[in-house]
Amino acid sequence: MTTAAGTPVAVVTGASSGIGAATARELAAAGYEVVLTARREDRIRALADELTSAGHRARAHVLDVTDRAAVDALAASLDRCDVLVNNAGGALGAETVATGDPADWQRMYEVNVIGTLHVTQALLPALTASGAGTVVVISSTAGLDTYEGGAGYAAAKHGAHVLAKTLRLEIVGTPVRVIEIAPGMVRTEEFATTRFRGDTEKAAKVYAGVAEPLTARDVAETVAWAVTRPAHVNVDLLVLRPRAQASNTKVHREL
């Protein structure tokens, strides 16, 4: 698909479900042509069909953000890029530091940090050329603090947080802004289930008694709001939590 003249393009990684899919919907509704990227082709193609059927412009591009050659191929395929939403990520396991699997830590770092690095590096020239580019990093409150059983994920999200903060320093003076959105407790269809390796009972306990965790749409609407501010307005860091969550370790549960 060739980009329509004058239509801004937004690339969303991890767009096959959850926050990524919801963000794609919000940005499409805001007038962006959305490039949906994820490993699961069936999911992103179905979402692209949904959006185009609704009159929006969208295209699917199968991508593993840890594969630099594939990321470079994505960049080469684009006519332009105005917004990059680095959403691909996730958590694996909730073991202690003493018992955690180093392979889980490595995988989380590769996706959450190195994946974000790959896509940002590859698309930064196009974002700069747009004259008003935006890099969004979806981090987490785990990137600002930690909690028991969360060191591996917190370490990865701290890495994503520092990447965003350092990039902002390094490219100041260019026409690209860097926005970091750090959600707290968000109930999506896959995050906790993936973390606990398909154990739906453990996943459900994460949200037990919490009346209203954030939804993927809550986060997506926040991303779309930040992205659609005037180009000179930079939302450096926006922390988003449900009212019931005061910190990573303080949550009100109605049990």
C-alpha atoms as a PDB file:
ATOM      1  CA  MET A   1       0.000   0.000   0.000  1.00  0.00           C
ATOM      2  CA  THR A   2       1.314   3.421  -0.930  1.00  0.00           C
ATOM      3  CA  THR A   3       0.732   6.111   1.639  1.00  0.00           C
ATOM      4  CA  ALA A   4      -1.876   8.661   0.593  1.00  0.00           C
ATOM      5  CA  ALA A   5      -0.398  12.095   0.010  1.00  0.00           C
ATOM      6  CA  GLY A   6      -0.443  14.098   3.217  1.00  0.00           C
ATOM      7  CA  THR A   7      -1.572  11.220   5.405  1.00  0.00           C
ATOM      8  CA  PRO A   8       0.637  10.814   8.496  1.00  0.00           C
ATOM      9  CA  VAL A   9       1.894   7.301   9.198  1.00  0.00           C
ATOM     10  CA  ALA A  10       2.090   5.652  12.610  1.00  0.00           C
ATOM     11  CA  VAL A  11       3.957   2.392  13.185  1.00  0.00           C
ATOM     12  CA  VAL A  12       2.763   0.366  16.162  1.00  0.00           C
ATOM     13  CA  THR A  13       4.774  -2.614  17.376  1.00  0.00           C
ATOM     14  CA  GLY A  14       3.124  -5.442  19.269  1.00  0.00           C
ATOM     15  CA  ALA A  15      -0.169  -4.575  17.574  1.00  0.00           C
ATOM     16  CA  SER A  16      -1.644  -8.072  17.606  1.00  0.00           C
ATOM     17  CA  SER A  17      -3.464  -7.636  20.943  1.00  0.00           C
ATOM     18  CA  GLY A  18      -3.876  -5.588  24.099  1.00  0.00           C
ATOM     19  CA  ILE A  19      -2.469  -2.072  24.277  1.00  0.00           C
ATOM     20  CA  GLY A  20      -0.913  -2.295  20.812  1.00  0.00           C
ATOM     21  CA  ALA A  21      -4.146  -3.220  19.050  1.00  0.00           C
ATOM     22  CA  ALA A  22      -6.109  -0.623  21.012  1.00  0.00           C
ATOM     23  CA  THR A  23      -3.532   2.060  20.193  1.00  0.00           C
ATOM     24  CA  ALA A  24      -3.732   1.205  16.508  1.00  0.00           C
ATOM     25  CA  ARG A  25      -7.497   1.696  16.617  1.00  0.00           C
ATOM     26  CA  GLU A  26      -7.199   5.063  18.369  1.00  0.00           C
ATOM     27  CA  LEU A  27      -4.528   6.389  16.003  1.00  0.00           C
ATOM     28  CA  ALA A  28      -6.466   5.198  12.953  1.00  0.00           C
ATOM     29  CA  ALA A  29      -9.512   7.061  14.251  1.00  0.00           C
ATOM     30  CA  ALA A  30      -7.296  10.129  14.718  1.00  0.00           C
ATOM     31  CA  GLY A  31      -6.453  10.115  11.011  1.00  0.00           C
ATOM     32  CA  TYR A  32      -3.196   8.186  10.858  1.00  0.00           C
ATOM     33  CA  GLU A  33      -2.402   5.459   8.396  1.00  0.00           C
ATOM     34  CA  VAL A  34      -1.438   2.710  10.811  1.00  0.00           C
ATOM     35  CA  VAL A  35       1.258   0.126  10.123  1.00  0.00           C
ATOM     36  CA  LEU A  36       0.484  -2.833  12.358  1.00  0.00           C
ATOM     37  CA  THR A  37       3.490  -4.926  13.297  1.00  0.00           C
ATOM     38  CA  ALA A  38       3.684  -8.134  15.338  1.00  0.00           C
ATOM     39  CA  ARG A  39       4.771 -11.736  14.955  1.00  0.00           C
ATOM     40  CA  ARG A  40       1.244 -13.146  14.660  1.00  0.00           C
ATOM     41  CA  GLU A  41       0.216 -12.531  11.079  1.00  0.00           C
ATOM     42  CA  ASP A  42      -3.387 -13.666  11.468  1.00  0.00           C
ATOM     43  CA  ARG A  43      -4.033 -11.180  14.267  1.00  0.00           C
ATOM     44  CA  ILE A  44      -2.615  -8.102  12.575  1.00  0.00           C
ATOM     45  CA  ARG A  45      -4.190  -8.929   9.224  1.00  0.00           C
ATOM     46  CA  ALA A  46      -7.574  -9.285  10.914  1.00  0.00           C
ATOM     47  CA  LEU A  47      -7.078  -5.920  12.631  1.00  0.00           C
ATOM     48  CA  ALA A  48      -5.994  -4.294   9.361  1.00  0.00           C
ATOM     49  CA  ASP A  49      -9.163  -5.644   7.722  1.00  0.00           C
ATOM     50  CA  GLU A  50     -11.255  -4.317  10.612  1.00  0.00           C
ATOM     51  CA  LEU A  51      -9.775  -0.848  10.293  1.00  0.00           C
ATOM     52  CA  THR A  52      -9.975  -0.634   6.514  1.00  0.00           C
ATOM     53  CA  SER A  53     -13.582  -1.876   6.619  1.00  0.00           C
ATOM     54  CA  ALA A  54     -14.313   1.046   8.931  1.00  0.00           C
ATOM     55  CA  GLY A  55     -12.859   3.475   6.376  1.00  0.00           C
ATOM     56  CA  HIS A  56      -9.407   3.869   7.904  1.00  0.00           C
ATOM     57  CA  ARG A  57      -6.029   3.225   6.327  1.00  0.00           C
ATOM     58  CA  ALA A  58      -4.066   0.323   7.774  1.00  0.00           C
ATOM     59  CA  ARG A  59      -1.602  -2.315   6.711  1.00  0.00           C
ATOM     60  CA  ALA A  60      -0.113  -5.340   8.409  1.00  0.00           C
ATOM     61  CA  HIS A  61       3.599  -6.130   8.485  1.00  0.00           C
ATOM     62  CA  VAL A  62       4.794  -9.291  10.204  1.00  0.00           C
ATOM     63  CA  LEU A  63       7.721  -8.393  12.436  1.00  0.00           C
ATOM     64  CA  ASP A  64       9.845  -9.720  15.264  1.00  0.00           C
ATOM     65  CA  VAL A  65      11.418  -6.612  16.791  1.00  0.00           C
ATOM     66  CA  THR A  66      14.439  -8.628  17.940  1.00  0.00           C
ATOM     67  CA  ASP A  67      15.320  -9.404  14.300  1.00  0.00           C
ATOM     68  CA  ARG A  68      17.314  -6.398  13.100  1.00  0.00           C
ATOM     69  CA  ALA A  69      17.300  -7.423   9.438  1.00  0.00           C
ATOM     70  CA  ALA A  70      13.507  -7.669   9.529  1.00  0.00           C
ATOM     71  CA  VAL A  71      13.258  -4.289  11.256  1.00  0.00           C
ATOM     72  CA  ASP A  72      15.464  -2.690   8.609  1.00  0.00           C
ATOM     73  CA  ALA A  73      13.270  -4.242   5.910  1.00  0.00           C
ATOM     74  CA  LEU A  74      10.207  -2.662   7.528  1.00  0.00           C
ATOM     75  CA  ALA A  75      11.908   0.735   7.542  1.00  0.00           C
ATOM     76  CA  ALA A  76      12.853   0.370   3.871  1.00  0.00           C
ATOM     77  CA  SER A  77       9.243  -0.449   2.967  1.00  0.00           C
ATOM     78  CA  LEU A  78       7.797   2.801   4.315  1.00  0.00           C
ATOM     79  CA  ASP A  79       7.247   5.946   2.266  1.00  0.00           C
ATOM     80  CA  ARG A  80       7.193   7.998   5.472  1.00  0.00           C
ATOM     81  CA  CYS A  81       6.898   7.657   9.230  1.00  0.00           C
ATOM     82  CA  ASP A  82       5.519  10.321  11.552  1.00  0.00           C
ATOM     83  CA  VAL A  83       4.899   8.331  14.732  1.00  0.00           C
ATOM     84  CA  LEU A  84       6.502   5.234  16.208  1.00  0.00           C
ATOM     85  CA  VAL A  85       4.804   3.510  19.121  1.00  0.00           C
ATOM     86  CA  ASN A  86       7.226   1.082  20.748  1.00  0.00           C
ATOM     87  CA  ASN A  87       4.737  -1.212  22.435  1.00  0.00           C
ATOM     88  CA  ALA A  88       6.166  -4.699  21.857  1.00  0.00           C
ATOM     89  CA  GLY A  89       7.269  -6.153  25.161  1.00  0.00           C
ATOM     90  CA  GLY A  90       6.008  -8.251  28.021  1.00  0.00           C
ATOM     91  CA  ALA A  91       6.866 -10.143  31.179  1.00  0.00           C
ATOM     92  CA  LEU A  92       7.945 -13.724  31.768  1.00  0.00           C
ATOM     93  CA  GLY A  93       7.748 -15.300  35.203  1.00  0.00           C
ATOM     94  CA  ALA A  94       7.496 -13.913  38.717  1.00  0.00           C
ATOM     95  CA  GLU A  95      10.293 -15.772  40.416  1.00  0.00           C
ATOM     96  CA  THR A  96      12.657 -14.193  42.911  1.00  0.00           C
ATOM     97  CA  VAL A  97      16.142 -13.019  42.003  1.00  0.00           C
ATOM     98  CA  ALA A  98      17.480 -16.165  43.660  1.00  0.00           C
ATOM     99  CA  THR A  99      15.339 -18.524  41.563  1.00  0.00           C
ATOM    100  CA  GLY A 100      14.672 -16.643  38.320  1.00  0.00           C
ATOM    101  CA  ASP A 101      15.566 -18.200  34.978  1.00  0.00           C
ATOM    102  CA  PRO A 102      18.291 -16.153  33.248  1.00  0.00           C
ATOM    103  CA  ALA A 103      16.744 -17.109  29.897  1.00  0.00           C
ATOM    104  CA  ASP A 104      13.536 -15.312  30.909  1.00  0.00           C
ATOM    105  CA  TRP A 105      15.508 -12.226  31.923  1.00  0.00           C
ATOM    106  CA  GLN A 106      17.388 -12.269  28.620  1.00  0.00           C
ATOM    107  CA  ARG A 107      14.217 -12.645  26.573  1.00  0.00           C
ATOM    108  CA  MET A 108      12.520  -9.769  28.407  1.00  0.00           C
ATOM    109  CA  TYR A 109      15.542  -7.538  27.865  1.00  0.00           C
ATOM    110  CA  GLU A 110      15.782  -8.460  24.185  1.00  0.00           C
ATOM    111  CA  VAL A 111      12.143  -7.615  23.461  1.00  0.00           C
ATOM    112  CA  ASN A 112      11.547  -4.671  25.798  1.00  0.00           C
ATOM    113  CA  VAL A 113      14.888  -2.919  25.330  1.00  0.00           C
ATOM    114  CA  ILE A 114      16.803  -4.213  22.309  1.00  0.00           C
ATOM    115  CA  GLY A 115      13.609  -4.477  20.262  1.00  0.00           C
ATOM    116  CA  THR A 116      12.778  -0.868  21.083  1.00  0.00           C
ATOM    117  CA  LEU A 117      16.340   0.101  20.177  1.00  0.00           C
ATOM    118  CA  HIS A 118      16.175  -1.704  16.813  1.00  0.00           C
ATOM    119  CA  VAL A 119      12.925  -0.101  15.684  1.00  0.00           C
ATOM    120  CA  THR A 120      13.800   3.363  16.978  1.00  0.00           C
ATOM    121  CA  GLN A 121      17.195   3.363  15.265  1.00  0.00           C
ATOM    122  CA  ALA A 122      15.731   2.109  11.993  1.00  0.00           C
ATOM    123  CA  LEU A 123      12.887   4.643  11.855  1.00  0.00           C
ATOM    124  CA  LEU A 124      14.581   7.696  13.366  1.00  0.00           C
ATOM    125  CA  PRO A 125      15.748   9.032   9.971  1.00  0.00           C
ATOM    126  CA  ALA A 126      12.187   8.925   8.629  1.00  0.00           C
ATOM    127  CA  LEU A 127      10.792  10.423  11.818  1.00  0.00           C
ATOM    128  CA  THR A 128      13.298  13.258  11.532  1.00  0.00           C
ATOM    129  CA  ALA A 129      12.524  13.760   7.852  1.00  0.00           C
ATOM    130  CA  SER A 130       8.823  14.101   8.665  1.00  0.00           C
ATOM    131  CA  GLY A 131       9.568  17.456  10.297  1.00  0.00           C
ATOM    132  CA  ALA A 132       7.474  16.635  13.372  1.00  0.00           C
ATOM    133  CA  GLY A 133       8.199  13.075  14.410  1.00  0.00           C
ATOM    134  CA  THR A 134       7.153  11.334  17.612  1.00  0.00           C
ATOM    135  CA  VAL A 135       8.723   8.341  19.340  1.00  0.00           C
ATOM    136  CA  VAL A 136       6.489   6.756  21.959  1.00  0.00           C
ATOM    137  CA  VAL A 137       7.883   4.224  24.421  1.00  0.00           C
ATOM    138  CA  ILE A 138       5.321   2.184  26.345  1.00  0.00           C
ATOM    139  CA  SER A 139       7.247   1.372  29.483  1.00  0.00           C
ATOM    140  CA  SER A 140       5.652   0.549  32.831  1.00  0.00           C
ATOM    141  CA  THR A 141       5.548   1.676  36.421  1.00  0.00           C
ATOM    142  CA  ALA A 142       7.907  -1.306  36.811  1.00  0.00           C
ATOM    143  CA  GLY A 143      10.415   0.885  34.998  1.00  0.00           C
ATOM    144  CA  LEU A 144      10.261   3.446  37.793  1.00  0.00           C
ATOM    145  CA  ASP A 145      10.203   1.166  40.842  1.00  0.00           C
ATOM    146  CA  THR A 146      10.237  -2.533  41.618  1.00  0.00           C
ATOM    147  CA  TYR A 147       8.368  -5.220  43.565  1.00  0.00           C
ATOM    148  CA  GLU A 148       9.034  -8.708  44.858  1.00  0.00           C
ATOM    149  CA  GLY A 149       9.076 -11.273  42.099  1.00  0.00           C
ATOM    150  CA  GLY A 150       9.387  -8.592  39.461  1.00  0.00           C
ATOM    151  CA  ALA A 151      13.107  -7.914  39.184  1.00  0.00           C
ATOM    152  CA  GLY A 152      13.569  -9.309  35.686  1.00  0.00           C
ATOM    153  CA  TYR A 153      10.648  -7.376  34.227  1.00  0.00           C
ATOM    154  CA  ALA A 154      11.514  -4.258  36.236  1.00  0.00           C
ATOM    155  CA  ALA A 155      15.106  -4.420  34.995  1.00  0.00           C
ATOM    156  CA  ALA A 156      13.896  -4.574  31.390  1.00  0.00           C
ATOM    157  CA  LYS A 157      11.409  -1.746  31.819  1.00  0.00           C
ATOM    158  CA  HIS A 158      14.007   0.346  33.645  1.00  0.00           C
ATOM    159  CA  GLY A 159      16.087  -0.154  30.505  1.00  0.00           C
ATOM    160  CA  ALA A 160      13.235   1.063  28.299  1.00  0.00           C
ATOM    161  CA  HIS A 161      12.739   4.077  30.579  1.00  0.00           C
ATOM    162  CA  VAL A 162      16.415   5.016  30.422  1.00  0.00           C
ATOM    163  CA  LEU A 163      16.466   4.529  26.637  1.00  0.00           C
ATOM    164  CA  ALA A 164      13.610   7.031  26.250  1.00  0.00           C
ATOM    165  CA  LYS A 165      15.100   9.516  28.686  1.00  0.00           C
ATOM    166  CA  THR A 166      18.561   9.376  27.088  1.00  0.00           C
ATOM    167  CA  LEU A 167      17.232   9.568  23.533  1.00  0.00           C
ATOM    168  CA  ARG A 168      15.343  12.736  24.459  1.00  0.00           C
ATOM    169  CA  LEU A 169      18.604  14.309  25.621  1.00  0.00           C
ATOM    170  CA  GLU A 170      20.523  13.188  22.555  1.00  0.00           C
ATOM    171  CA  ILE A 171      18.090  14.418  19.906  1.00  0.00           C
ATOM    172  CA  VAL A 172      17.008  17.689  21.471  1.00  0.00           C
ATOM    173  CA  GLY A 173      17.031  20.331  18.769  1.00  0.00           C
ATOM    174  CA  THR A 174      15.759  17.914  16.129  1.00  0.00           C
ATOM    175  CA  PRO A 175      12.099  17.844  15.063  1.00  0.00           C
ATOM    176  CA  VAL A 176      11.433  14.612  16.992  1.00  0.00           C
ATOM    177  CA  ARG A 177       9.926  14.374  20.457  1.00  0.00           C
ATOM    178  CA  VAL A 178      10.116  11.377  22.805  1.00  0.00           C
ATOM    179  CA  ILE A 179       7.069  10.446  24.861  1.00  0.00           C
ATOM    180  CA  GLU A 180       7.077   7.778  27.549  1.00  0.00           C
ATOM    181  CA  ILE A 181       3.814   6.302  28.805  1.00  0.00           C
ATOM    182  CA  ALA A 182       4.219   4.196  31.965  1.00  0.00           C
ATOM    183  CA  PRO A 183       1.054   2.222  32.800  1.00  0.00           C
ATOM    184  CA  GLY A 184       0.453   0.514  36.098  1.00  0.00           C
ATOM    185  CA  MET A 185      -2.075  -2.297  36.470  1.00  0.00           C
ATOM    186  CA  VAL A 186      -3.709  -2.961  33.104  1.00  0.00           C
ATOM    187  CA  ARG A 187      -6.007  -5.919  32.556  1.00  0.00           C
ATOM    188  CA  THR A 188      -5.568  -7.262  29.034  1.00  0.00           C
ATOM    189  CA  GLU A 189      -6.389 -10.627  27.563  1.00  0.00           C
ATOM    190  CA  GLU A 190      -2.808 -11.879  27.484  1.00  0.00           C
ATOM    191  CA  PHE A 191      -0.270 -10.026  29.654  1.00  0.00           C
ATOM    192  CA  ALA A 192      -0.654 -11.884  32.966  1.00  0.00           C
ATOM    193  CA  THR A 193      -1.490 -15.192  31.282  1.00  0.00           C
ATOM    194  CA  THR A 194       1.712 -15.013  29.251  1.00  0.00           C
ATOM    195  CA  ARG A 195       3.695 -14.029  32.329  1.00  0.00           C
ATOM    196  CA  PHE A 196       2.447 -17.102  34.174  1.00  0.00           C
ATOM    197  CA  ARG A 197       2.951 -19.390  31.168  1.00  0.00           C
ATOM    198  CA  GLY A 198      -0.717 -20.007  30.487  1.00  0.00           C
ATOM    199  CA  ASP A 199      -1.805 -20.451  34.114  1.00  0.00           C
ATOM    200  CA  THR A 200      -5.107 -18.572  34.024  1.00  0.00           C
ATOM    201  CA  GLU A 201      -5.724 -19.071  37.752  1.00  0.00           C
ATOM    202  CA  LYS A 202      -2.497 -17.274  38.672  1.00  0.00           C
ATOM    203  CA  ALA A 203      -3.211 -14.612  36.092  1.00  0.00           C
ATOM    204  CA  ALA A 204      -6.665 -13.950  37.554  1.00  0.00           C
ATOM    205  CA  LYS A 205      -5.211 -13.447  41.033  1.00  0.00           C
ATOM    206  CA  VAL A 206      -3.270 -10.419  39.793  1.00  0.00           C
ATOM    207  CA  TYR A 207      -6.547  -8.531  39.417  1.00  0.00           C
ATOM    208  CA  ALA A 208      -8.555 -10.229  42.190  1.00  0.00           C
ATOM    209  CA  GLY A 209     -10.671  -7.734  44.100  1.00  0.00           C
ATOM    210  CA  VAL A 210      -9.551  -4.750  42.030  1.00  0.00           C
ATOM    211  CA  ALA A 211     -12.766  -3.109  40.929  1.00  0.00           C
ATOM    212  CA  GLU A 212     -11.456  -1.311  37.867  1.00  0.00           C
ATOM    213  CA  PRO A 213      -7.949  -2.034  36.594  1.00  0.00           C
ATOM    214  CA  LEU A 214      -6.936   0.008  33.573  1.00  0.00           C
ATOM    215  CA  THR A 215      -7.991  -1.328  30.196  1.00  0.00           C
ATOM    216  CA  ALA A 216      -5.984  -1.425  26.992  1.00  0.00           C
ATOM    217  CA  ARG A 217      -8.249   1.301  25.654  1.00  0.00           C
ATOM    218  CA  ASP A 218      -7.490   3.536  28.655  1.00  0.00           C
ATOM    219  CA  VAL A 219      -3.808   3.392  27.786  1.00  0.00           C
ATOM    220  CA  ALA A 220      -4.430   3.716  24.060  1.00  0.00           C
ATOM    221  CA  GLU A 221      -6.533   6.845  24.510  1.00  0.00           C
ATOM    222  CA  THR A 222      -3.728   8.336  26.604  1.00  0.00           C
ATOM    223  CA  VAL A 223      -1.176   7.528  23.891  1.00  0.00           C
ATOM    224  CA  ALA A 224      -3.386   9.080  21.216  1.00  0.00           C
ATOM    225  CA  TRP A 225      -3.896  12.205  23.352  1.00  0.00           C
ATOM    226  CA  ALA A 226      -0.139  12.636  23.877  1.00  0.00           C
ATOM    227  CA  VAL A 227       0.659  12.027  20.207  1.00  0.00           C
ATOM    228  CA  THR A 228      -1.933  14.503  18.975  1.00  0.00           C
ATOM    229  CA  ARG A 229      -0.709  17.445  21.105  1.00  0.00           C
ATOM    230  CA  PRO A 230       0.850  20.247  19.040  1.00  0.00           C
ATOM    231  CA  ALA A 231       4.305  19.268  17.799  1.00  0.00           C
ATOM    232  CA  HIS A 232       6.079  21.634  20.193  1.00  0.00           C
ATOM    233  CA  VAL A 233       4.415  19.990  23.213  1.00  0.00           C
ATOM    234  CA  ASN A 234       6.352  17.016  24.622  1.00  0.00           C
ATOM    235  CA  VAL A 235       4.776  14.757  27.230  1.00  0.00           C
ATOM    236  CA  ASP A 236       8.060  13.531  28.648  1.00  0.00           C
ATOM    237  CA  LEU A 237       6.655  10.944  31.051  1.00  0.00           C
ATOM    238  CA  LEU A 238       3.055  10.134  31.884  1.00  0.00           C
ATOM    239  CA  VAL A 239       2.364   7.615  34.654  1.00  0.00           C
ATOM    240  CA  LEU A 240      -1.052   6.001  34.367  1.00  0.00           C
ATOM    241  CA  ARG A 241      -2.586   3.884  37.142  1.00  0.00           C
ATOM    242  CA  PRO A 242      -6.076   2.785  38.149  1.00  0.00           C
ATOM    243  CA  ARG A 243      -7.498   4.676  41.119  1.00  0.00           C
ATOM    244  CA  ALA A 244      -7.191   1.507  43.220  1.00  0.00           C
ATOM    245  CA  GLN A 245      -3.416   1.350  42.751  1.00  0.00           C
ATOM    246  CA  ALA A 246      -1.257   3.749  44.742  1.00  0.00           C
ATOM    247  CA  SER A 247       2.072   2.093  43.924  1.00  0.00           C
ATOM    248  CA  ASN A 248       3.469  -1.142  42.523  1.00  0.00           C
ATOM    249  CA  THR A 249       2.924  -2.762  45.927  1.00  0.00           C
ATOM    250  CA  LYS A 250      -0.104  -0.864  47.299  1.00  0.00           C
ATOM    251  CA  VAL A 251      -3.396  -1.918  45.694  1.00  0.00           C
ATOM    252  CA  HIS A 252      -6.885  -1.688  47.178  1.00  0.00           C
ATOM    253  CA  ARG A 253      -8.714  -4.987  46.815  1.00  0.00           C
ATOM    254  CA  GLU A 254     -12.362  -5.506  47.689  1.00  0.00           C
ATOM    255  CA  LEU A 255     -12.282  -9.090  48.915  1.00  0.00           C
END
